[in-house]
């Protein structure tokens, strides 16, 4: 597994060896990559599992899909590429008459490719238009959000994103846009930097920008949608692997995996009661798998990555 030479452009796939180890000794005939990106994980999986007959790659970013198509050119006869958010996974696979799959991988959040492109407006470290759309066919942008949302709505976005000074951030945006529209990442940096708080190991602007990006792309909502879909799509013994990069994502994955693996369910009503149910999955990762010191040294993005997995019963 250490020996793979990947051709994917501009992107180092995180936790690659850990993903391959979880898929080791499994026969995969149909596989879905819910966040194809540059195709790094996909390329390694296809190389290590020549038995794959059908590989379906989703991405809402058309630029990423074009890069992935070049990366996966040697496997083009096996591959299908779908321009869609993974939240519509079940619908899109049904349209392709795919009823069951042996494995699903999802690498959640913005990719390093997106963060590195100034014109996409994801990063506070690069000056560009205030965009942040993962799917550029979507009309709504970060510029729309910061210039139209109420102070209360902005505050909720920052609070949910765990920005400690969420009230101050929301107020600062509303006051600044009353003078002139907020157009660029540089504009937003000037507004928010005095408001944000220093957290060890993080630039003070990280959580604020991340909160806006998550809201623009409805990332947590889509993650909550896709996990039950993905589990239902798996064949018996099929596996679902999810890589997250911050606590908000990991909390959702952990909770939904646990619920799917439990033999009881709490039903809320006038009275709360517990009913028995058949577990859907076995949780393969009681604790999340994290990157090795060696990987983190080579690829700092792996520092916050967590991998969780379940197997369909």
Protein backbone atom coordinates (compact mmCIF):
# COMPACT_ATOMS: atom_id res chain seq x y z
CA UNK A 1 0.00 0.00 0.00
CA UNK A 2 2.91 2.35 0.59
CA UNK A 3 4.07 1.95 -3.00
CA UNK A 4 1.30 3.69 -4.95
CA UNK A 5 2.43 6.43 -7.30
CA UNK A 6 -0.56 8.63 -7.90
CA UNK A 7 -1.03 10.90 -10.87
CA UNK A 8 -3.80 13.10 -9.40
CA UNK A 9 -3.15 16.80 -9.93
CA UNK A 10 -2.66 19.38 -7.17
CA UNK A 11 -3.98 17.18 -4.39
CA UNK A 12 -2.59 14.65 -1.92
CA UNK A 13 -5.35 12.31 -0.71
CA UNK A 14 -5.46 12.11 3.08
CA UNK A 15 -5.43 8.88 5.09
CA UNK A 16 -4.92 6.94 1.85
CA UNK A 17 -3.16 3.94 3.40
CA UNK A 18 -5.76 3.78 6.15
CA UNK A 19 -8.57 3.78 3.56
CA UNK A 20 -6.88 1.02 1.56
CA UNK A 21 -6.34 -1.07 4.70
CA UNK A 22 -10.05 -0.94 5.56
CA UNK A 23 -10.85 -2.08 2.00
CA UNK A 24 -8.16 -4.78 2.01
CA UNK A 25 -9.32 -8.38 1.52
CA UNK A 26 -12.75 -7.19 0.36
CA UNK A 27 -14.14 -7.98 -3.06
CA UNK A 28 -15.43 -4.77 -4.58
CA UNK A 29 -17.38 -4.95 -7.83
CA UNK A 30 -19.30 -1.68 -7.53
CA UNK A 31 -17.78 1.29 -5.69
CA UNK A 32 -18.91 4.89 -5.17
CA UNK A 33 -16.68 7.86 -4.40
CA UNK A 34 -19.04 10.54 -3.10
CA UNK A 35 -16.42 13.29 -3.21
CA UNK A 36 -14.21 12.48 -6.17
CA UNK A 37 -12.03 15.60 -6.08
CA UNK A 38 -8.87 15.15 -8.15
CA UNK A 39 -9.33 11.37 -8.08
CA UNK A 40 -6.47 10.50 -5.74
CA UNK A 41 -8.37 8.07 -3.52
CA UNK A 42 -10.21 6.72 -6.57
CA UNK A 43 -7.00 6.00 -8.47
CA UNK A 44 -5.49 4.07 -5.57
CA UNK A 45 -8.68 2.08 -4.96
CA UNK A 46 -8.97 1.14 -8.64
CA UNK A 47 -5.31 0.07 -8.73
CA UNK A 48 -5.60 -2.06 -5.60
CA UNK A 49 -8.97 -3.61 -6.59
CA UNK A 50 -8.82 -4.66 -10.25
CA UNK A 51 -12.02 -6.65 -9.68
CA UNK A 52 -14.03 -3.41 -9.67
CA UNK A 53 -16.41 -3.43 -12.62
CA UNK A 54 -18.25 -0.17 -11.97
CA UNK A 55 -16.79 2.91 -10.26
CA UNK A 56 -19.08 5.91 -9.80
CA UNK A 57 -17.58 9.26 -8.86
CA UNK A 58 -19.66 12.18 -7.57
CA UNK A 59 -18.51 15.77 -7.31
CA UNK A 60 -20.42 19.04 -7.32
CA UNK A 61 -17.33 20.88 -8.57
CA UNK A 62 -17.10 20.60 -12.37
CA UNK A 63 -13.43 21.64 -12.33
CA UNK A 64 -12.64 18.74 -10.00
CA UNK A 65 -14.52 16.32 -12.23
CA UNK A 66 -12.45 17.36 -15.25
CA UNK A 67 -9.22 16.80 -13.33
CA UNK A 68 -10.47 13.43 -12.04
CA UNK A 69 -11.34 12.33 -15.58
CA UNK A 70 -7.70 12.90 -16.59
CA UNK A 71 -6.42 11.14 -13.48
CA UNK A 72 -8.66 8.12 -14.06
CA UNK A 73 -8.16 7.91 -17.83
CA UNK A 74 -6.58 4.40 -17.58
CA UNK A 75 -9.81 3.21 -15.92
CA UNK A 76 -12.28 5.12 -18.08
CA UNK A 77 -14.20 2.01 -19.17
CA UNK A 78 -15.09 1.31 -15.53
CA UNK A 79 -15.88 4.87 -14.48
CA UNK A 80 -19.01 7.00 -14.43
CA UNK A 81 -18.78 10.66 -13.46
CA UNK A 82 -21.77 12.44 -11.93
CA UNK A 83 -21.92 16.21 -11.43
CA UNK A 84 -24.00 16.34 -8.27
CA UNK A 85 -23.87 16.91 -4.55
CA UNK A 86 -23.61 13.59 -2.72
CA UNK A 87 -26.83 14.49 -0.91
CA UNK A 88 -28.63 13.22 -4.03
CA UNK A 89 -26.63 9.98 -4.13
CA UNK A 90 -29.56 7.58 -3.93
CA UNK A 91 -31.56 9.44 -6.57
CA UNK A 92 -28.64 9.61 -9.00
CA UNK A 93 -27.69 5.95 -8.55
CA UNK A 94 -31.30 4.90 -9.03
CA UNK A 95 -31.29 6.84 -12.32
CA UNK A 96 -28.25 4.73 -13.33
CA UNK A 97 -30.07 1.52 -12.26
CA UNK A 98 -27.51 0.88 -9.53
CA UNK A 99 -29.32 -0.72 -6.60
CA UNK A 100 -26.49 -1.94 -4.40
CA UNK A 101 -22.81 -1.17 -3.94
CA UNK A 102 -19.89 -2.86 -2.19
CA UNK A 103 -18.21 0.26 -0.90
CA UNK A 104 -18.63 4.02 -0.55
CA UNK A 105 -16.00 6.62 0.33
CA UNK A 106 -16.63 10.27 1.18
CA UNK A 107 -13.93 12.86 1.91
CA UNK A 108 -15.94 15.74 3.38
CA UNK A 109 -15.40 19.50 3.09
CA UNK A 110 -13.44 21.83 0.85
CA UNK A 111 -10.48 20.36 -1.02
CA UNK A 112 -6.99 21.83 -1.05
CA UNK A 113 -7.54 22.55 -4.76
CA UNK A 114 -10.49 24.79 -3.94
CA UNK A 115 -8.69 26.52 -1.08
CA UNK A 116 -5.66 27.20 -3.25
CA UNK A 117 -7.62 28.92 -6.05
CA UNK A 118 -7.89 32.60 -5.14
CA UNK A 119 -10.67 33.15 -7.66
CA UNK A 120 -12.89 30.67 -5.80
CA UNK A 121 -12.88 32.86 -2.68
CA UNK A 122 -12.56 30.08 -0.11
CA UNK A 123 -9.42 31.21 1.67
CA UNK A 124 -8.71 34.21 3.87
CA UNK A 125 -5.07 33.84 2.85
CA UNK A 126 -5.77 34.73 -0.78
CA UNK A 127 -7.50 37.78 -2.21
CA UNK A 128 -10.40 36.96 -4.50
CA UNK A 129 -14.12 37.44 -5.03
CA UNK A 130 -16.27 36.40 -2.08
CA UNK A 131 -17.61 33.24 -3.69
CA UNK A 132 -17.07 29.95 -1.74
CA UNK A 133 -19.40 27.88 -3.98
CA UNK A 134 -18.34 24.27 -4.35
CA UNK A 135 -20.87 23.92 -7.17
CA UNK A 136 -20.35 26.93 -9.41
CA UNK A 137 -23.68 26.35 -11.13
CA UNK A 138 -25.27 27.35 -7.82
CA UNK A 139 -26.40 31.00 -7.82
CA UNK A 140 -26.00 31.77 -4.11
CA UNK A 141 -22.51 32.92 -3.03
CA UNK A 142 -20.75 34.02 0.13
CA UNK A 143 -21.09 37.61 -1.12
CA UNK A 144 -24.87 37.17 -1.15
CA UNK A 145 -24.81 35.72 2.34
CA UNK A 146 -22.73 38.41 4.06
CA UNK A 147 -24.57 41.27 2.30
CA UNK A 148 -28.16 40.09 2.80
CA UNK A 149 -28.45 37.92 5.93
CA UNK A 150 -29.70 39.61 9.08
CA UNK A 151 -27.44 40.10 12.09
CA UNK A 152 -29.35 37.33 13.87
CA UNK A 153 -28.92 34.90 10.94
CA UNK A 154 -25.22 35.70 10.64
CA UNK A 155 -24.80 35.22 14.37
CA UNK A 156 -26.41 31.79 14.20
CA UNK A 157 -24.07 30.77 11.38
CA UNK A 158 -20.98 31.80 13.33
CA UNK A 159 -22.26 30.27 16.58
CA UNK A 160 -23.06 26.95 14.90
CA UNK A 161 -19.57 27.09 13.39
CA UNK A 162 -18.15 27.35 16.92
CA UNK A 163 -16.78 30.87 16.45
CA UNK A 164 -16.55 32.11 20.01
CA UNK A 165 -17.09 35.79 19.16
CA UNK A 166 -20.11 35.09 16.99
CA UNK A 167 -22.07 38.15 18.08
CA UNK A 168 -19.18 40.52 17.39
CA UNK A 169 -18.56 38.97 13.95
CA UNK A 170 -22.20 39.32 12.92
CA UNK A 171 -22.42 42.89 14.16
CA UNK A 172 -19.18 43.90 12.42
CA UNK A 173 -20.43 42.58 9.06
CA UNK A 174 -23.76 44.42 9.32
CA UNK A 175 -22.06 47.68 10.28
CA UNK A 176 -19.47 47.40 7.49
CA UNK A 177 -21.95 46.63 4.71
CA UNK A 178 -24.04 49.65 5.72
CA UNK A 179 -21.11 51.75 4.48
CA UNK A 180 -20.34 49.75 1.32
CA UNK A 181 -20.98 46.22 0.00
CA UNK A 182 -18.56 43.46 1.04
CA UNK A 183 -17.09 42.22 -2.25
CA UNK A 184 -13.86 40.28 -1.65
CA UNK A 185 -12.13 37.95 0.78
CA UNK A 186 -9.81 40.85 1.64
CA UNK A 187 -12.81 43.00 2.58
CA UNK A 188 -14.08 40.27 4.90
CA UNK A 189 -10.66 39.71 6.43
CA UNK A 190 -10.41 43.42 7.35
CA UNK A 191 -13.84 43.28 8.97
CA UNK A 192 -13.46 40.03 10.89
CA UNK A 193 -9.82 39.89 11.96
CA UNK A 194 -10.27 42.37 14.84
CA UNK A 195 -13.32 40.38 16.03
CA UNK A 196 -12.05 36.82 15.97
CA UNK A 197 -10.32 35.09 18.88
CA UNK A 198 -7.00 33.31 18.93
CA UNK A 199 -7.22 29.56 19.23
CA UNK A 200 -4.11 27.44 19.64
CA UNK A 201 -2.96 26.02 16.31
CA UNK A 202 -5.55 27.94 14.26
CA UNK A 203 -5.50 31.28 12.53
CA UNK A 204 -8.20 33.39 14.23
CA UNK A 205 -10.07 33.69 10.92
CA UNK A 206 -10.35 29.94 10.30
CA UNK A 207 -13.64 29.26 12.07
CA UNK A 208 -15.35 32.41 10.77
CA UNK A 209 -14.53 31.71 7.12
CA UNK A 210 -15.30 28.01 7.57
CA UNK A 211 -18.71 28.88 9.06
CA UNK A 212 -19.64 30.98 6.04
CA UNK A 213 -18.43 28.32 3.59
CA UNK A 214 -20.45 25.62 5.36
CA UNK A 215 -23.57 27.78 5.23
CA UNK A 216 -23.17 28.71 1.55
CA UNK A 217 -22.87 25.05 0.55
CA UNK A 218 -25.25 23.64 3.20
CA UNK A 219 -22.53 21.15 3.99
CA UNK A 220 -23.81 19.78 7.30
CA UNK A 221 -27.35 19.42 5.96
CA UNK A 222 -26.07 17.45 2.96
CA UNK A 223 -23.93 15.24 5.21
CA UNK A 224 -26.93 14.44 7.40
CA UNK A 225 -28.89 13.56 4.24
CA UNK A 226 -26.29 11.29 2.66
CA UNK A 227 -25.28 8.99 5.54
CA UNK A 228 -28.65 7.15 5.76
CA UNK A 229 -28.79 6.98 1.95
CA UNK A 230 -25.29 5.54 1.73
CA UNK A 231 -26.01 2.90 4.37
CA UNK A 232 -29.20 1.83 2.58
CA UNK A 233 -27.28 1.52 -0.72
CA UNK A 234 -24.71 -0.90 0.67
CA UNK A 235 -24.93 -4.60 -0.01
CA UNK A 236 -24.44 -6.96 2.96
CA UNK A 237 -20.77 -6.72 4.05
CA UNK A 238 -20.46 -3.49 2.09
CA UNK A 239 -18.47 -0.71 3.75
CA UNK A 240 -18.97 3.03 4.14
CA UNK A 241 -15.89 5.15 4.87
CA UNK A 242 -16.13 8.85 5.78
CA UNK A 243 -13.24 11.27 6.27
CA UNK A 244 -14.01 14.50 8.12
CA UNK A 245 -11.90 17.54 8.93
CA UNK A 246 -13.59 19.30 11.80
CA UNK A 247 -15.66 18.51 14.87
CA UNK A 248 -19.03 19.52 13.40
CA UNK A 249 -18.72 16.96 10.58
CA UNK A 250 -17.25 14.23 12.77
CA UNK A 251 -20.02 14.63 15.36
CA UNK A 252 -22.69 14.03 12.70
CA UNK A 253 -20.93 10.96 11.28
CA UNK A 254 -20.29 9.49 14.73
CA UNK A 255 -23.90 9.99 15.81
CA UNK A 256 -25.48 8.60 12.63
CA UNK A 257 -23.13 5.60 12.57
CA UNK A 258 -23.94 4.87 16.21
CA UNK A 259 -27.69 5.12 15.61
CA UNK A 260 -27.48 2.79 12.60
CA UNK A 261 -25.54 0.26 14.68
CA UNK A 262 -27.82 0.22 17.71
CA UNK A 263 -30.40 -2.47 18.49
CA UNK A 264 -32.73 -0.02 20.21
CA UNK A 265 -34.27 3.31 19.27
CA UNK A 266 -35.65 6.09 21.43
CA UNK A 267 -39.06 7.27 20.18
CA UNK A 268 -40.19 10.73 21.25
CA UNK A 269 -43.85 11.56 21.76
CA UNK A 270 -46.06 12.53 24.66
CA UNK A 271 -43.96 9.97 26.46
CA UNK A 272 -40.47 8.80 25.62
CA UNK A 273 -40.06 5.07 25.13
CA UNK A 274 -37.50 2.66 23.72
CA UNK A 275 -38.22 0.12 20.99
CA UNK A 276 -36.09 -2.72 19.70
CA UNK A 277 -34.82 -2.59 16.12
CA UNK A 278 -32.50 -4.54 13.88
CA UNK A 279 -29.03 -2.93 13.63
CA UNK A 280 -28.17 -1.93 10.08
CA UNK A 281 -24.39 -1.81 10.43
CA UNK A 282 -21.43 -2.80 12.53
CA UNK A 283 -19.22 0.13 13.47
CA UNK A 284 -15.65 -0.75 12.45
CA UNK A 285 -14.01 2.27 14.08
CA UNK A 286 -14.95 2.75 17.74
CA UNK A 287 -12.51 5.64 17.71
CA UNK A 288 -11.71 7.60 14.56
CA UNK A 289 -8.56 6.72 12.62
CA UNK A 290 -6.16 9.65 12.35
CA UNK A 291 -3.06 10.36 10.28
CA UNK A 292 0.41 9.18 11.19
CA UNK A 293 3.09 11.65 12.21
CA UNK A 294 4.84 10.90 8.93
CA UNK A 295 1.76 11.76 6.85
CA UNK A 296 1.06 14.94 8.83
CA UNK A 297 4.65 16.07 8.27
CA UNK A 298 4.29 15.59 4.51
CA UNK A 299 0.67 16.74 4.25
CA UNK A 300 -0.38 19.16 7.05
CA UNK A 301 -4.03 18.90 5.92
CA UNK A 302 -4.05 15.40 7.42
CA UNK A 303 -3.60 16.86 10.92
CA UNK A 304 -7.33 17.32 11.43
CA UNK A 305 -8.54 14.37 9.35
CA UNK A 306 -10.60 11.62 10.99
CA UNK A 307 -11.74 8.43 9.31
CA UNK A 308 -14.77 6.42 10.48
CA UNK A 309 -16.21 3.30 8.89
CA UNK A 310 -19.17 0.93 9.13
CA UNK A 311 -20.00 -2.43 7.56
CA UNK A 312 -23.51 -3.31 6.41
CA UNK A 313 -25.03 -6.28 8.26
